[in-house]
PDB file of all heavy atoms in Angstrom:
ATOM      1  N   ALA A   1      -2.039-118.628  24.209  1.00  0.00           N
ATOM      2  CA  ALA A   1      -0.958-117.690  24.511  1.00  0.00           C
ATOM      3  C   ALA A   1      -0.572-117.747  25.983  1.00  0.00           C
ATOM      4  O   ALA A   1       0.612-117.770  26.331  1.00  0.00           O
ATOM      5  CB  ALA A   1      -1.390-116.268  24.118  1.00  0.00           C
ATOM      6  N   GLY A   2      -1.562-117.772  26.872  1.00  0.00           N
ATOM      7  CA  GLY A   2      -1.260-117.821  28.297  1.00  0.00           C
ATOM      8  C   GLY A   2      -0.520-119.083  28.686  1.00  0.00           C
ATOM      9  O   GLY A   2       0.425-119.053  29.483  1.00  0.00           O
ATOM     10  N   ALA A   3      -0.931-120.213  28.139  1.00  0.00           N
ATOM     11  CA  ALA A   3      -0.265-121.475  28.446  1.00  0.00           C
ATOM     12  C   ALA A   3       1.136-121.513  27.854  1.00  0.00           C
ATOM     13  O   ALA A   3       2.055-122.089  28.444  1.00  0.00           O
ATOM     14  CB  ALA A   3      -1.099-122.646  27.928  1.00  0.00           C
ATOM     15  N   GLN A   4       1.325-120.896  26.692  1.00  0.00           N
ATOM     16  CA  GLN A   4       2.662-120.841  26.100  1.00  0.00           C
ATOM     17  C   GLN A   4       3.611-120.044  26.986  1.00  0.00           C
ATOM     18  O   GLN A   4       4.757-120.450  27.217  1.00  0.00           O
ATOM     19  CB  GLN A   4       2.578-120.230  24.701  1.00  0.00           C
ATOM     20  CG  GLN A   4       1.910-121.136  23.682  1.00  0.00           C
ATOM     21  CD  GLN A   4       1.690-120.467  22.344  1.00  0.00           C
ATOM     22  OE1 GLN A   4       2.130-119.347  22.107  1.00  0.00           O
ATOM     23  NE2 GLN A   4       0.983-121.153  21.443  1.00  0.00           N
ATOM     24  N   ARG A   5       3.123-118.931  27.497  1.00  0.00           N
ATOM     25  CA  ARG A   5       3.974-118.131  28.388  1.00  0.00           C
ATOM     26  C   ARG A   5       4.323-118.923  29.644  1.00  0.00           C
ATOM     27  O   ARG A   5       5.486-118.948  30.095  1.00  0.00           O
ATOM     28  CB  ARG A   5       3.262-116.824  28.737  1.00  0.00           C
ATOM     29  CG  ARG A   5       4.063-115.915  29.674  1.00  0.00           C
ATOM     30  CD  ARG A   5       3.719-116.197  31.116  1.00  0.00           C
ATOM     31  NE  ARG A   5       4.546-115.438  32.052  1.00  0.00           N
ATOM     32  CZ  ARG A   5       4.735-115.782  33.314  1.00  0.00           C
ATOM     33  NH1 ARG A   5       4.196-116.884  33.802  1.00  0.00           N
ATOM     34  NH2 ARG A   5       5.478-115.040  34.098  1.00  0.00           N
ATOM     35  N   ASP A   6       3.336-119.607  30.238  1.00  0.00           N
ATOM     36  CA  ASP A   6       3.594-120.373  31.456  1.00  0.00           C
ATOM     37  C   ASP A   6       4.534-121.535  31.188  1.00  0.00           C
ATOM     38  O   ASP A   6       5.357-121.890  32.035  1.00  0.00           O
ATOM     39  CB  ASP A   6       2.278-120.886  32.034  1.00  0.00           C
ATOM     40  CG  ASP A   6       1.455-119.778  32.672  1.00  0.00           C
ATOM     41  OD1 ASP A   6       1.982-118.658  32.835  1.00  0.00           O
ATOM     42  OD2 ASP A   6       0.273-120.023  32.997  1.00  0.00           O
ATOM     43  N   TRP A   7       4.431-122.145  30.023  1.00  0.00           N
ATOM     44  CA  TRP A   7       5.330-123.237  29.639  1.00  0.00           C
ATOM     45  C   TRP A   7       6.768-122.739  29.569  1.00  0.00           C
ATOM     46  O   TRP A   7       7.699-123.391  30.049  1.00  0.00           O
ATOM     47  CB  TRP A   7       4.848-123.791  28.301  1.00  0.00           C
ATOM     48  CG  TRP A   7       5.737-124.763  27.619  1.00  0.00           C
ATOM     49  CD1 TRP A   7       5.873-126.097  27.897  1.00  0.00           C
ATOM     50  CD2 TRP A   7       6.606-124.501  26.502  1.00  0.00           C
ATOM     51  NE1 TRP A   7       6.768-126.674  27.017  1.00  0.00           N
ATOM     52  CE2 TRP A   7       7.223-125.715  26.157  1.00  0.00           C
ATOM     53  CE3 TRP A   7       6.896-123.357  25.762  1.00  0.00           C
ATOM     54  CZ2 TRP A   7       8.128-125.823  25.098  1.00  0.00           C
ATOM     55  CZ3 TRP A   7       7.797-123.470  24.716  1.00  0.00           C
ATOM     56  CH2 TRP A   7       8.397-124.681  24.396  1.00  0.00           C
ATOM     57  N   LEU A   8       6.964-121.562  28.983  1.00  0.00           N
ATOM     58  CA  LEU A   8       8.303-120.980  28.924  1.00  0.00           C
ATOM     59  C   LEU A   8       8.814-120.654  30.318  1.00  0.00           C
ATOM     60  O   LEU A   8       9.968-120.904  30.658  1.00  0.00           O
ATOM     61  CB  LEU A   8       8.277-119.719  28.051  1.00  0.00           C
ATOM     62  CG  LEU A   8       8.008-119.951  26.561  1.00  0.00           C
ATOM     63  CD1 LEU A   8       7.605-118.655  25.878  1.00  0.00           C
ATOM     64  CD2 LEU A   8       9.234-120.558  25.889  1.00  0.00           C
ATOM     65  N   ALA A   9       7.916-120.094  31.143  1.00  0.00           N
ATOM     66  CA  ALA A   9       8.316-119.721  32.497  1.00  0.00           C
ATOM     67  C   ALA A   9       8.635-120.934  33.363  1.00  0.00           C
ATOM     68  O   ALA A   9       9.410-120.844  34.313  1.00  0.00           O
ATOM     69  CB  ALA A   9       7.209-118.897  33.149  1.00  0.00           C
ATOM     70  N   ALA A  10       8.034-122.082  33.031  1.00  0.00           N
ATOM     71  CA  ALA A  10       8.279-123.296  33.802  1.00  0.00           C
ATOM     72  C   ALA A  10       9.637-123.924  33.501  1.00  0.00           C
ATOM     73  O   ALA A  10       9.995-124.921  34.116  1.00  0.00           O
ATOM     74  CB  ALA A  10       7.167-124.316  33.535  1.00  0.00           C
ATOM     75  N   GLY A  11      10.401-123.350  32.568  1.00  0.00           N
ATOM     76  CA  GLY A  11      11.749-123.834  32.316  1.00  0.00           C
ATOM     77  C   GLY A  11      12.111-124.020  30.870  1.00  0.00           C
ATOM     78  O   GLY A  11      13.257-124.352  30.556  1.00  0.00           O
ATOM     79  N   ALA A  12      11.143-123.786  29.959  1.00  0.00           N
ATOM     80  CA  ALA A  12      11.418-123.981  28.544  1.00  0.00           C
ATOM     81  C   ALA A  12      11.904-122.718  27.853  1.00  0.00           C
ATOM     82  O   ALA A  12      12.166-122.732  26.653  1.00  0.00           O
ATOM     83  CB  ALA A  12      10.171-124.497  27.831  1.00  0.00           C
ATOM     84  N   GLY A  13      12.033-121.618  28.600  1.00  0.00           N
ATOM     85  CA  GLY A  13      12.449-120.367  27.988  1.00  0.00           C
ATOM     86  C   GLY A  13      13.129-119.444  28.970  1.00  0.00           C
ATOM     87  O   GLY A  13      13.249-119.735  30.166  1.00  0.00           O
ATOM     88  N   THR A  14      13.576-118.301  28.458  1.00  0.00           N
ATOM     89  CA  THR A  14      14.271-117.288  29.243  1.00  0.00           C
ATOM     90  C   THR A  14      13.531-115.962  29.104  1.00  0.00           C
ATOM     91  O   THR A  14      13.190-115.550  27.988  1.00  0.00           O
ATOM     92  CB  THR A  14      15.723-117.114  28.752  1.00  0.00           C
ATOM     93  OG1 THR A  14      16.390-118.385  28.811  1.00  0.00           O
ATOM     94  CG2 THR A  14      16.477-116.098  29.586  1.00  0.00           C
ATOM     95  N   ARG A  15      13.282-115.289  30.206  1.00  0.00           N
ATOM     96  CA  ARG A  15      12.636-113.972  30.175  1.00  0.00           C
ATOM     97  C   ARG A  15      13.650-112.945  29.674  1.00  0.00           C
ATOM     98  O   ARG A  15      14.802-112.894  30.120  1.00  0.00           O
ATOM     99  CB  ARG A  15      12.153-113.593  31.586  1.00  0.00           C
ATOM    100  CG  ARG A  15      11.480-112.228  31.704  1.00  0.00           C
ATOM    101  CD  ARG A  15      10.029-112.300  31.342  1.00  0.00           C
ATOM    102  NE  ARG A  15       9.379-110.990  31.489  1.00  0.00           N
ATOM    103  CZ  ARG A  15       8.715-110.600  32.575  1.00  0.00           C
ATOM    104  NH1 ARG A  15       8.615-111.424  33.627  1.00  0.00           N
ATOM    105  NH2 ARG A  15       8.138-109.418  32.622  1.00  0.00           N
ATOM    106  N   ILE A  16      13.220-112.115  28.725  1.00  0.00           N
ATOM    107  CA  ILE A  16      14.102-111.151  28.076  1.00  0.00           C
ATOM    108  C   ILE A  16      13.641-109.729  28.391  1.00  0.00           C
ATOM    109  O   ILE A  16      12.454-109.407  28.219  1.00  0.00           O
ATOM    110  CB  ILE A  16      14.093-111.357  26.545  1.00  0.00           C
ATOM    111  CG1 ILE A  16      14.482-112.805  26.196  1.00  0.00           C
ATOM    112  CG2 ILE A  16      15.011-110.365  25.851  1.00  0.00           C
ATOM    113  CD1 ILE A  16      15.859-113.216  26.653  1.00  0.00           C
ATOM    114  N   PRO A  17      14.530-108.855  28.846  1.00  0.00           N
ATOM    115  CA  PRO A  17      14.129-107.466  29.098  1.00  0.00           C
ATOM    116  C   PRO A  17      13.743-106.764  27.791  1.00  0.00           C
ATOM    117  O   PRO A  17      14.350-107.019  26.740  1.00  0.00           O
ATOM    118  CB  PRO A  17      15.391-106.830  29.698  1.00  0.00           C
ATOM    119  CG  PRO A  17      16.217-107.982  30.164  1.00  0.00           C
ATOM    120  CD  PRO A  17      15.925-109.110  29.220  1.00  0.00           C
ATOM    121  N   PRO A  18      12.740-105.906  27.812  1.00  0.00           N
ATOM    122  CA  PRO A  18      12.388-105.143  26.606  1.00  0.00           C
ATOM    123  C   PRO A  18      13.599-104.389  26.069  1.00  0.00           C
ATOM    124  O   PRO A  18      14.386-103.813  26.825  1.00  0.00           O
ATOM    125  CB  PRO A  18      11.302-104.186  27.107  1.00  0.00           C
ATOM    126  CG  PRO A  18      10.686-104.901  28.269  1.00  0.00           C
ATOM    127  CD  PRO A  18      11.820-105.617  28.940  1.00  0.00           C
ATOM    128  N   GLY A  19      13.764-104.419  24.767  1.00  0.00           N
ATOM    129  CA  GLY A  19      14.904-103.792  24.128  1.00  0.00           C
ATOM    130  C   GLY A  19      16.027-104.750  23.814  1.00  0.00           C
ATOM    131  O   GLY A  19      16.936-104.413  23.057  1.00  0.00           O
ATOM    132  N   GLN A  20      15.964-105.971  24.390  1.00  0.00           N
ATOM    133  CA  GLN A  20      16.997-106.976  24.135  1.00  0.00           C
ATOM    134  C   GLN A  20      16.461-108.164  23.348  1.00  0.00           C
ATOM    135  O   GLN A  20      17.118-109.198  23.240  1.00  0.00           O
ATOM    136  CB  GLN A  20      17.605-107.451  25.455  1.00  0.00           C
ATOM    137  CG  GLN A  20      18.318-106.349  26.232  1.00  0.00           C
ATOM    138  CD  GLN A  20      18.976-106.861  27.497  1.00  0.00           C
ATOM    139  OE1 GLN A  20      19.327-108.039  27.598  1.00  0.00           O
ATOM    140  NE2 GLN A  20      19.136-105.983  28.480  1.00  0.00           N
ATOM    141  N   GLU A  21      15.264-108.026  22.784  1.00  0.00           N
ATOM    142  CA  GLU A  21      14.666-109.131  22.043  1.00  0.00           C
ATOM    143  C   GLU A  21      15.420-109.398  20.747  1.00  0.00           C
ATOM    144  O   GLU A  21      16.103-108.525  20.213  1.00  0.00           O
ATOM    145  CB  GLU A  21      13.186-108.854  21.743  1.00  0.00           C
ATOM    146  CG  GLU A  21      12.927-107.614  20.911  1.00  0.00           C
ATOM    147  CD  GLU A  21      12.672-106.373  21.754  1.00  0.00           C
ATOM    148  OE1 GLU A  21      13.131-106.338  22.924  1.00  0.00           O
ATOM    149  OE2 GLU A  21      12.036-105.439  21.246  1.00  0.00           O
ATOM    150  N   ARG A  22      15.287-110.629  20.257  1.00  0.00           N
ATOM    151  CA  ARG A  22      15.918-111.064  19.019  1.00  0.00           C
ATOM    152  C   ARG A  22      14.849-111.683  18.103  1.00  0.00           C
ATOM    153  O   ARG A  22      13.762-112.037  18.563  1.00  0.00           O
ATOM    154  CB  ARG A  22      16.986-112.131  19.296  1.00  0.00           C
ATOM    155  CG  ARG A  22      18.136-111.691  20.176  1.00  0.00           C
ATOM    156  CD  ARG A  22      19.052-112.886  20.415  1.00  0.00           C
ATOM    157  NE  ARG A  22      20.115-112.604  21.364  1.00  0.00           N
ATOM    158  CZ  ARG A  22      20.929-113.525  21.874  1.00  0.00           C
ATOM    159  NH1 ARG A  22      20.795-114.795  21.493  1.00  0.00           N
ATOM    160  NH2 ARG A  22      21.863-113.198  22.736  1.00  0.00           N
ATOM    161  N   PRO A  23      15.167-111.846  16.818  1.00  0.00           N
ATOM    162  CA  PRO A  23      14.233-112.537  15.935  1.00  0.00           C
ATOM    163  C   PRO A  23      13.888-113.924  16.477  1.00  0.00           C
ATOM    164  O   PRO A  23      14.767-114.656  16.938  1.00  0.00           O
ATOM    165  CB  PRO A  23      14.993-112.635  14.609  1.00  0.00           C
ATOM    166  CG  PRO A  23      15.913-111.454  14.632  1.00  0.00           C
ATOM    167  CD  PRO A  23      16.344-111.324  16.066  1.00  0.00           C
ATOM    168  N   GLY A  24      12.605-114.267  16.434  1.00  0.00           N
ATOM    169  CA  GLY A  24      12.143-115.560  16.934  1.00  0.00           C
ATOM    170  C   GLY A  24      11.637-115.530  18.355  1.00  0.00           C
ATOM    171  O   GLY A  24      10.981-116.478  18.798  1.00  0.00           O
ATOM    172  N   ASP A  25      11.943-114.464  19.116  1.00  0.00           N
ATOM    173  CA  ASP A  25      11.410-114.343  20.472  1.00  0.00           C
ATOM    174  C   ASP A  25       9.891-114.168  20.420  1.00  0.00           C
ATOM    175  O   ASP A  25       9.318-113.751  19.403  1.00  0.00           O
ATOM    176  CB  ASP A  25      12.034-113.159  21.198  1.00  0.00           C
ATOM    177  CG  ASP A  25      13.500-113.385  21.559  1.00  0.00           C
ATOM    178  OD1 ASP A  25      13.977-114.530  21.412  1.00  0.00           O
ATOM    179  OD2 ASP A  25      14.163-112.416  21.980  1.00  0.00           O
ATOM    180  N   LEU A  26       9.249-114.459  21.528  1.00  0.00           N
ATOM    181  CA  LEU A  26       7.802-114.311  21.638  1.00  0.00           C
ATOM    182  C   LEU A  26       7.469-113.183  22.595  1.00  0.00           C
ATOM    183  O   LEU A  26       8.079-113.051  23.661  1.00  0.00           O
ATOM    184  CB  LEU A  26       7.167-115.613  22.134  1.00  0.00           C
ATOM    185  CG  LEU A  26       7.334-116.841  21.224  1.00  0.00           C
ATOM    186  CD1 LEU A  26       6.748-118.079  21.897  1.00  0.00           C
ATOM    187  CD2 LEU A  26       6.667-116.602  19.881  1.00  0.00           C
ATOM    188  N   ILE A  27       6.491-112.362  22.207  1.00  0.00           N
ATOM    189  CA  ILE A  27       6.022-111.274  23.070  1.00  0.00           C
ATOM    190  C   ILE A  27       4.569-111.550  23.419  1.00  0.00           C
ATOM    191  O   ILE A  27       3.743-111.847  22.544  1.00  0.00           O
ATOM    192  CB  ILE A  27       6.141-109.905  22.388  1.00  0.00           C
ATOM    193  CG1 ILE A  27       7.568-109.676  21.885  1.00  0.00           C
ATOM    194  CG2 ILE A  27       5.727-108.801  23.354  1.00  0.00           C
ATOM    195  CD1 ILE A  27       7.761-108.339  21.179  1.00  0.00           C
ATOM    196  N   PHE A  28       4.244-111.461  24.699  1.00  0.00           N
ATOM    197  CA  PHE A  28       2.902-111.721  25.207  1.00  0.00           C
ATOM    198  C   PHE A  28       2.340-110.465  25.862  1.00  0.00           C
ATOM    199  O   PHE A  28       3.072-109.730  26.530  1.00  0.00           O
ATOM    200  CB  PHE A  28       2.940-112.837  26.264  1.00  0.00           C
ATOM    201  CG  PHE A  28       3.507-114.139  25.780  1.00  0.00           C
ATOM    202  CD1 PHE A  28       4.868-114.403  25.885  1.00  0.00           C
ATOM    203  CD2 PHE A  28       2.676-115.107  25.236  1.00  0.00           C
ATOM    204  CE1 PHE A  28       5.390-115.617  25.454  1.00  0.00           C
ATOM    205  CE2 PHE A  28       3.195-116.320  24.797  1.00  0.00           C
ATOM    206  CZ  PHE A  28       4.548-116.580  24.907  1.00  0.00           C
ATOM    207  N   TRP A  29       1.039-110.244  25.686  1.00  0.00           N
ATOM    208  CA  TRP A  29       0.378-109.164  26.437  1.00  0.00           C
ATOM    209  C   TRP A  29      -1.083-109.507  26.671  1.00  0.00           C
ATOM    210  O   TRP A  29      -1.647-110.412  26.063  1.00  0.00           O
ATOM    211  CB  TRP A  29       0.551-107.816  25.755  1.00  0.00           C
ATOM    212  CG  TRP A  29       0.018-107.673  24.347  1.00  0.00           C
ATOM    213  CD1 TRP A  29      -1.285-107.596  23.950  1.00  0.00           C
ATOM    214  CD2 TRP A  29       0.818-107.514  23.167  1.00  0.00           C
ATOM    215  NE1 TRP A  29      -1.365-107.412  22.598  1.00  0.00           N
ATOM    216  CE2 TRP A  29      -0.095-107.358  22.081  1.00  0.00           C
ATOM    217  CE3 TRP A  29       2.184-107.476  22.903  1.00  0.00           C
ATOM    218  CZ2 TRP A  29       0.333-107.169  20.761  1.00  0.00           C
ATOM    219  CZ3 TRP A  29       2.601-107.309  21.594  1.00  0.00           C
ATOM    220  CH2 TRP A  29       1.700-107.151  20.548  1.00  0.00           C
ATOM    221  N   ASP A  30      -1.693-108.771  27.604  1.00  0.00           N
ATOM    222  CA  ASP A  30      -3.105-108.974  27.909  1.00  0.00           C
ATOM    223  C   ASP A  30      -3.955-108.308  26.842  1.00  0.00           C
ATOM    224  O   ASP A  30      -3.551-107.332  26.211  1.00  0.00           O
ATOM    225  CB  ASP A  30      -3.443-108.402  29.287  1.00  0.00           C
ATOM    226  CG  ASP A  30      -3.161-106.915  29.407  1.00  0.00           C
ATOM    227  OD1 ASP A  30      -1.969-106.532  29.431  1.00  0.00           O
ATOM    228  OD2 ASP A  30      -4.121-106.135  29.460  1.00  0.00           O
ATOM    229  N   SER A  31      -5.153-108.865  26.631  1.00  0.00           N
ATOM    230  CA  SER A  31      -6.072-108.264  25.662  1.00  0.00           C
ATOM    231  C   SER A  31      -7.500-108.570  26.072  1.00  0.00           C
ATOM    232  O   SER A  31      -7.953-108.142  27.126  1.00  0.00           O
ATOM    233  CB  SER A  31      -5.763-108.741  24.237  1.00  0.00           C
ATOM    234  OG  SER A  31      -5.895-110.146  24.124  1.00  0.00           O
ATOM    235  N   TYR A  32      -8.203-109.384  25.280  1.00  0.00           N
ATOM    236  CA  TYR A  32      -9.638-109.583  25.473  1.00  0.00           C
ATOM    237  C   TYR A  32      -9.985-110.424  26.696  1.00  0.00           C
ATOM    238  O   TYR A  32     -11.154-110.456  27.111  1.00  0.00           O
ATOM    239  CB  TYR A  32     -10.230-110.238  24.216  1.00  0.00           C
ATOM    240  CG  TYR A  32      -9.848-111.685  24.053  1.00  0.00           C
ATOM    241  CD1 TYR A  32     -10.735-112.710  24.374  1.00  0.00           C
ATOM    242  CD2 TYR A  32      -8.584-112.039  23.596  1.00  0.00           C
ATOM    243  CE1 TYR A  32     -10.374-114.032  24.244  1.00  0.00           C
ATOM    244  CE2 TYR A  32      -8.220-113.350  23.448  1.00  0.00           C
ATOM    245  CZ  TYR A  32      -9.117-114.354  23.775  1.00  0.00           C
ATOM    246  OH  TYR A  32      -8.739-115.659  23.645  1.00  0.00           O
ATOM    247  N   LEU A  33      -9.035-111.123  27.305  1.00  0.00           N
ATOM    248  CA  LEU A  33      -9.320-111.974  28.455  1.00  0.00           C
ATOM    249  C   LEU A  33      -9.238-111.229  29.776  1.00  0.00           C
ATOM    250  O   LEU A  33      -9.320-111.845  30.834  1.00  0.00           O
ATOM    251  CB  LEU A  33      -8.351-113.165  28.476  1.00  0.00           C
ATOM    252  CG  LEU A  33      -8.587-114.222  27.401  1.00  0.00           C
ATOM    253  CD1 LEU A  33      -7.495-115.282  27.438  1.00  0.00           C
ATOM    254  CD2 LEU A  33      -9.953-114.873  27.570  1.00  0.00           C
ATOM    255  N   GLY A  34      -9.109-109.906  29.731  1.00  0.00           N
ATOM    256  CA  GLY A  34      -9.040-109.134  30.961  1.00  0.00           C
ATOM    257  C   GLY A  34      -7.615-108.792  31.354  1.00  0.00           C
ATOM    258  O   GLY A  34      -6.647-109.287  30.762  1.00  0.00           O
ATOM    259  N   PRO A  35      -7.470-107.954  32.383  1.00  0.00           N
ATOM    260  CA  PRO A  35      -6.147-107.422  32.731  1.00  0.00           C
ATOM    261  C   PRO A  35      -5.206-108.420  33.383  1.00  0.00           C
ATOM    262  O   PRO A  35      -4.010-108.150  33.469  1.00  0.00           O
ATOM    263  CB  PRO A  35      -6.480-106.283  33.700  1.00  0.00           C
ATOM    264  CG  PRO A  35      -7.786-106.693  34.315  1.00  0.00           C
ATOM    265  CD  PRO A  35      -8.542-107.385  33.226  1.00  0.00           C
ATOM    266  N   ASN A  36      -5.718-109.569  33.840  1.00  0.00           N
ATOM    267  CA  ASN A  36      -4.865-110.515  34.557  1.00  0.00           C
ATOM    268  C   ASN A  36      -4.503-111.746  33.734  1.00  0.00           C
ATOM    269  O   ASN A  36      -3.923-112.691  34.261  1.00  0.00           O
ATOM    270  CB  ASN A  36      -5.553-110.976  35.845  1.00  0.00           C
ATOM    271  CG  ASN A  36      -5.773-109.839  36.813  1.00  0.00           C
ATOM    272  OD1 ASN A  36      -4.985-108.896  36.857  1.00  0.00           O
ATOM    273  ND2 ASN A  36      -6.841-109.901  37.575  1.00  0.00           N
ATOM    274  N   ALA A  37      -4.849-111.755  32.462  1.00  0.00           N
ATOM    275  CA  ALA A  37      -4.604-112.932  31.633  1.00  0.00           C
ATOM    276  C   ALA A  37      -3.987-112.532  30.299  1.00  0.00           C
ATOM    277  O   ALA A  37      -4.385-111.539  29.694  1.00  0.00           O
ATOM    278  CB  ALA A  37      -5.918-113.691  31.393  1.00  0.00           C
ATOM    279  N   ILE A  38      -3.020-113.315  29.862  1.00  0.00           N
ATOM    280  CA  ILE A  38      -2.416-113.101  28.547  1.00  0.00           C
ATOM    281  C   ILE A  38      -3.416-113.505  27.477  1.00  0.00           C
ATOM    282  O   ILE A  38      -4.005-114.588  27.544  1.00  0.00           O
ATOM    283  CB  ILE A  38      -1.112-113.900  28.420  1.00  0.00           C
ATOM    284  CG1 ILE A  38      -0.037-113.278  29.320  1.00  0.00           C
ATOM    285  CG2 ILE A  38      -0.629-113.952  26.973  1.00  0.00           C
ATOM    286  CD1 ILE A  38       1.196-114.129  29.486  1.00  0.00           C
ATOM    287  N   GLY A  39      -3.595-112.648  26.490  1.00  0.00           N
ATOM    288  CA  GLY A  39      -4.552-112.920  25.431  1.00  0.00           C
ATOM    289  C   GLY A  39      -3.982-112.822  24.037  1.00  0.00           C
ATOM    290  O   GLY A  39      -4.691-113.102  23.066  1.00  0.00           O
ATOM    291  N   HIS A  40      -2.708-112.424  23.904  1.00  0.00           N
ATOM    292  CA  HIS A  40      -2.144-112.300  22.561  1.00  0.00           C
ATOM    293  C   HIS A  40      -0.655-112.628  22.603  1.00  0.00           C
ATOM    294  O   HIS A  40       0.037-112.395  23.603  1.00  0.00           O
ATOM    295  CB  HIS A  40      -2.331-110.880  22.023  1.00  0.00           C
ATOM    296  CG  HIS A  40      -2.097-110.777  20.538  1.00  0.00           C
ATOM    297  ND1 HIS A  40      -2.892-111.398  19.617  1.00  0.00           N
ATOM    298  CD2 HIS A  40      -1.125-110.139  19.819  1.00  0.00           C
ATOM    299  CE1 HIS A  40      -2.460-111.131  18.387  1.00  0.00           C
ATOM    300  NE2 HIS A  40      -1.382-110.379  18.488  1.00  0.00           N
TER     301      HIS A  40
END
């Protein structure tokens, strides 16, 4: 999940403000890997 987010941020995707998401978008958040890492 963390690498997928970084891949999108490196130019393969567009950051979307909450509330403007569409079907097929990806949502990332931290979980079991601690507060500084995306885990889901």
